[in-house]
N, C-alpha and C. Protein backbone atom coordinates (compact mmCIF):
# COMPACT_ATOMS: atom_id res chain seq x y z
N MET A 1 -41.20 95.71 51.64
CA MET A 1 -41.29 96.10 50.58
C MET A 1 -42.87 95.49 49.97
N ALA A 2 -43.35 96.60 49.13
CA ALA A 2 -44.76 96.25 48.81
C ALA A 2 -44.95 95.08 47.65
N GLU A 3 -45.68 94.23 47.47
CA GLU A 3 -45.95 93.25 46.79
C GLU A 3 -46.19 93.63 45.28
N PRO A 4 -45.51 93.04 44.28
CA PRO A 4 -45.61 93.67 42.86
C PRO A 4 -47.19 93.56 42.49
N VAL A 5 -47.39 94.35 41.46
CA VAL A 5 -48.83 94.53 40.66
C VAL A 5 -48.69 93.78 39.52
N SER A 6 -49.55 92.84 39.54
CA SER A 6 -49.51 91.98 37.91
C SER A 6 -50.26 92.87 37.17
N LEU A 7 -49.89 92.54 35.92
CA LEU A 7 -50.16 93.12 34.36
C LEU A 7 -51.60 93.13 34.37
N LEU A 8 -52.08 92.19 34.86
CA LEU A 8 -53.37 92.09 34.57
C LEU A 8 -54.03 93.06 35.44
N MET A 9 -53.67 93.04 36.96
CA MET A 9 -54.23 94.04 37.66
C MET A 9 -54.34 95.27 37.35
N LEU A 10 -53.00 96.03 36.90
CA LEU A 10 -52.75 97.00 36.00
C LEU A 10 -53.93 97.28 34.80
N GLU A 11 -54.03 96.31 34.29
CA GLU A 11 -54.91 96.55 33.10
C GLU A 11 -56.28 96.64 33.48
N PHE A 12 -57.06 96.00 34.74
CA PHE A 12 -58.06 96.45 35.16
C PHE A 12 -58.30 97.61 35.81
N LEU A 13 -57.26 97.88 36.26
CA LEU A 13 -57.20 99.30 37.02
C LEU A 13 -57.29 100.41 35.98
N THR A 14 -56.40 100.18 34.79
CA THR A 14 -56.65 101.31 34.01
C THR A 14 -57.94 101.20 33.08
N TRP A 15 -58.32 100.08 32.86
CA TRP A 15 -59.90 100.04 32.06
C TRP A 15 -61.16 100.87 33.25
N ILE A 16 -60.90 100.61 34.40
CA ILE A 16 -62.17 101.16 35.47
C ILE A 16 -61.58 102.69 35.28
N ALA A 17 -60.50 103.23 35.45
CA ALA A 17 -60.16 104.52 35.42
C ALA A 17 -60.08 105.18 34.13
N SER A 18 -60.42 104.32 32.98
CA SER A 18 -60.55 105.02 31.60
C SER A 18 -61.89 105.85 31.12
N ARG A 19 -62.80 105.62 31.88
CA ARG A 19 -64.08 106.53 31.84
C ARG A 19 -65.24 105.52 32.59
N PRO A 20 -66.21 106.49 33.22
CA PRO A 20 -67.48 105.64 34.24
C PRO A 20 -67.87 104.44 33.68
N ARG A 21 -67.72 103.94 34.65
CA ARG A 21 -68.00 102.28 34.60
C ARG A 21 -69.30 101.64 35.76
N THR A 22 -69.88 101.02 35.35
CA THR A 22 -71.37 100.85 36.17
C THR A 22 -70.98 99.42 36.77
N TYR A 23 -71.33 99.02 37.70
CA TYR A 23 -71.14 97.70 38.11
C TYR A 23 -71.89 96.74 37.05
N ALA A 24 -72.27 96.84 36.41
CA ALA A 24 -72.84 95.67 35.58
C ALA A 24 -72.03 95.59 34.64
N GLU A 25 -71.58 96.68 33.97
CA GLU A 25 -70.85 96.91 32.98
C GLU A 25 -69.39 95.89 33.29
N ALA A 26 -68.99 96.20 34.44
CA ALA A 26 -67.82 95.61 34.75
C ALA A 26 -68.02 94.25 35.42
N MET A 27 -68.85 93.67 35.83
CA MET A 27 -69.16 92.53 35.81
C MET A 27 -69.23 91.68 34.50
N GLU A 28 -69.91 92.29 33.77
CA GLU A 28 -69.99 91.66 32.05
C GLU A 28 -68.64 91.41 31.88
N ALA A 29 -67.85 92.49 31.72
CA ALA A 29 -66.28 92.45 31.15
C ALA A 29 -65.21 91.52 31.93
N TRP A 30 -65.60 91.28 33.34
CA TRP A 30 -64.24 91.03 34.28
C TRP A 30 -64.60 89.71 35.21
N ARG A 31 -65.95 89.12 35.17
CA ARG A 31 -66.44 87.85 35.81
C ARG A 31 -65.87 86.97 35.59
N THR A 32 -65.64 85.93 36.27
CA THR A 32 -64.68 84.93 35.54
C THR A 32 -65.49 83.92 37.11
N THR A 33 -65.34 82.58 36.34
CA THR A 33 -65.88 81.37 37.28
C THR A 33 -64.18 80.64 37.51
N CYS A 34 -63.26 81.06 36.78
CA CYS A 34 -62.07 80.53 37.42
C CYS A 34 -61.00 81.40 38.39
N PRO A 35 -60.98 80.19 39.57
CA PRO A 35 -60.18 80.66 40.79
C PRO A 35 -58.86 81.20 40.34
N ARG A 36 -57.96 81.16 39.19
CA ARG A 36 -56.87 81.65 38.80
C ARG A 36 -57.06 83.18 38.16
N HIS A 37 -58.28 83.28 37.87
CA HIS A 37 -58.46 84.85 37.36
C HIS A 37 -59.38 85.49 38.15
N SER A 38 -59.26 85.70 39.40
CA SER A 38 -60.35 86.41 40.29
C SER A 38 -60.15 88.25 40.41
N ILE A 39 -59.70 89.06 39.23
CA ILE A 39 -59.11 90.22 38.89
C ILE A 39 -60.10 90.87 39.87
N TRP A 40 -61.36 90.89 39.71
CA TRP A 40 -62.43 92.12 40.72
C TRP A 40 -62.22 91.48 42.08
N GLU A 41 -62.31 90.13 42.51
CA GLU A 41 -62.02 89.61 43.55
C GLU A 41 -61.32 90.15 44.20
N ASP A 42 -59.71 90.37 43.90
CA ASP A 42 -58.76 90.60 44.60
C ASP A 42 -58.56 92.16 44.71
N ALA A 43 -59.37 92.79 43.53
CA ALA A 43 -58.94 94.34 43.61
C ALA A 43 -59.89 94.59 44.82
N SER A 44 -61.15 94.07 44.99
CA SER A 44 -62.06 94.67 45.84
C SER A 44 -61.21 94.37 47.44
N ILE A 45 -60.83 93.03 47.51
CA ILE A 45 -60.06 92.63 48.74
C ILE A 45 -58.80 93.63 49.23
N ASP A 46 -58.23 93.98 48.25
CA ASP A 46 -56.81 94.77 48.20
C ASP A 46 -57.51 96.40 48.26
N GLY A 47 -58.32 96.75 48.75
CA GLY A 47 -59.03 97.81 48.91
C GLY A 47 -58.65 99.01 47.21
N LEU A 48 -58.81 98.49 46.20
CA LEU A 48 -58.41 99.15 45.17
C LEU A 48 -59.48 99.72 44.00
N ILE A 49 -60.60 99.08 44.35
CA ILE A 49 -61.66 99.58 43.67
C ILE A 49 -62.88 99.82 44.82
N GLN A 50 -63.73 100.98 44.36
CA GLN A 50 -65.22 100.74 45.14
C GLN A 50 -66.12 101.48 44.45
N LEU A 51 -67.35 100.79 44.93
CA LEU A 51 -68.59 101.10 44.47
C LEU A 51 -69.06 102.48 45.11
N GLU A 52 -69.66 103.39 44.19
CA GLU A 52 -70.51 104.34 44.70
C GLU A 52 -71.73 104.16 44.19
N ALA A 53 -72.84 104.37 45.50
CA ALA A 53 -73.89 104.29 45.43
C ALA A 53 -74.77 104.70 44.00
N ALA A 54 -75.91 104.19 43.84
CA ALA A 54 -76.79 104.74 42.75
C ALA A 54 -78.15 103.81 43.00
N GLY A 55 -79.13 104.06 41.73
CA GLY A 55 -80.77 103.60 41.88
C GLY A 55 -80.58 102.03 42.37
N SER A 56 -79.90 101.27 41.69
CA SER A 56 -79.64 99.70 41.90
C SER A 56 -78.70 99.92 41.62
N VAL A 57 -77.69 98.51 42.31
CA VAL A 57 -76.70 97.66 42.43
C VAL A 57 -75.98 97.94 41.22
N ASP A 58 -76.53 97.56 39.92
CA ASP A 58 -76.04 97.27 38.51
C ASP A 58 -75.74 98.47 38.04
N GLN A 59 -76.45 99.41 38.66
CA GLN A 59 -76.21 101.13 38.00
C GLN A 59 -75.05 101.70 39.05
N SER A 60 -75.03 101.31 39.93
CA SER A 60 -73.60 101.89 41.02
C SER A 60 -72.27 102.06 40.24
N ARG A 61 -71.46 103.17 40.52
CA ARG A 61 -70.39 103.39 39.90
C ARG A 61 -69.43 102.61 40.26
N VAL A 62 -68.32 102.05 39.49
CA VAL A 62 -66.99 101.36 39.88
C VAL A 62 -66.38 102.56 39.73
N THR A 63 -65.21 102.93 40.66
CA THR A 63 -64.52 103.66 41.03
C THR A 63 -62.70 103.48 41.83
N LEU A 64 -62.20 103.70 41.31
CA LEU A 64 -60.61 103.41 42.15
C LEU A 64 -60.99 104.30 43.43
N THR A 65 -60.44 103.39 44.31
CA THR A 65 -59.71 104.08 45.87
C THR A 65 -58.62 104.90 45.54
N PRO A 66 -58.42 105.79 46.47
CA PRO A 66 -57.19 106.33 46.64
C PRO A 66 -55.91 105.62 46.44
N ARG A 67 -55.70 104.49 47.11
CA ARG A 67 -54.69 103.25 47.07
C ARG A 67 -54.97 102.69 45.33
N GLY A 68 -55.98 102.27 44.89
CA GLY A 68 -55.78 102.03 43.43
C GLY A 68 -55.31 103.01 42.71
N ARG A 69 -55.63 104.27 42.71
CA ARG A 69 -55.52 105.74 41.90
C ARG A 69 -53.65 105.56 42.08
N ALA A 70 -53.29 105.40 43.20
CA ALA A 70 -51.70 105.50 43.30
C ALA A 70 -51.12 104.24 42.80
N ILE A 71 -51.26 103.21 43.00
CA ILE A 71 -50.77 102.04 42.01
C ILE A 71 -50.95 102.35 40.95
N LEU A 72 -51.99 102.50 39.91
CA LEU A 72 -51.74 103.21 38.91
C LEU A 72 -51.04 104.08 38.44
N ASP A 73 -50.66 105.41 38.90
CA ASP A 73 -50.31 105.95 38.94
C ASP A 73 -48.68 105.88 39.31
N GLY A 74 -48.36 104.84 40.00
CA GLY A 74 -46.80 104.48 40.12
C GLY A 74 -46.53 103.54 38.87
N ALA A 75 -47.44 103.18 38.72
CA ALA A 75 -47.07 101.91 37.30
C ALA A 75 -46.72 102.54 36.19
N SER A 76 -47.62 104.07 35.78
CA SER A 76 -47.53 104.79 34.78
C SER A 76 -46.29 105.40 34.64
N SER A 77 -45.68 105.84 35.92
CA SER A 77 -44.42 106.33 36.34
C SER A 77 -43.25 105.76 36.24
N SER A 78 -43.38 104.74 36.08
CA SER A 78 -42.12 104.13 36.24
C SER A 78 -42.16 102.78 35.07
N ARG A 79 -41.18 102.39 34.41
CA ARG A 79 -41.04 101.65 33.44
C ARG A 79 -41.27 99.89 33.88
N LEU A 80 -42.31 99.83 33.07
CA LEU A 80 -42.29 97.99 33.37
C LEU A 80 -41.82 97.31 32.13
N VAL A 81 -41.02 96.19 32.81
CA VAL A 81 -40.07 95.47 31.70
C VAL A 81 -40.98 94.12 31.75
N ALA A 82 -41.12 93.54 30.52
CA ALA A 82 -41.68 92.38 30.61
C ALA A 82 -40.79 91.30 30.41
N ASP A 83 -40.95 90.06 31.20
CA ASP A 83 -40.16 89.06 31.39
C ASP A 83 -39.90 88.34 29.90
């Protein structure tokens, strides 16, 4: 059985999918030094996001991988119940 996806991860994936985002923009909005809030690193390690190369790293686009899109699509098609 697949591990449940956190609401924070769903928010992050939704944010990435909502419009084109650059690496610099994503780092400004989502970077943290708190080990409990490693959403960027978790999404990258889990293969949910990817960088599409551009002139510089900061201008590279952050996009969902097919796996990230499937998780987001699956979450939007099911009912989420808050605890």
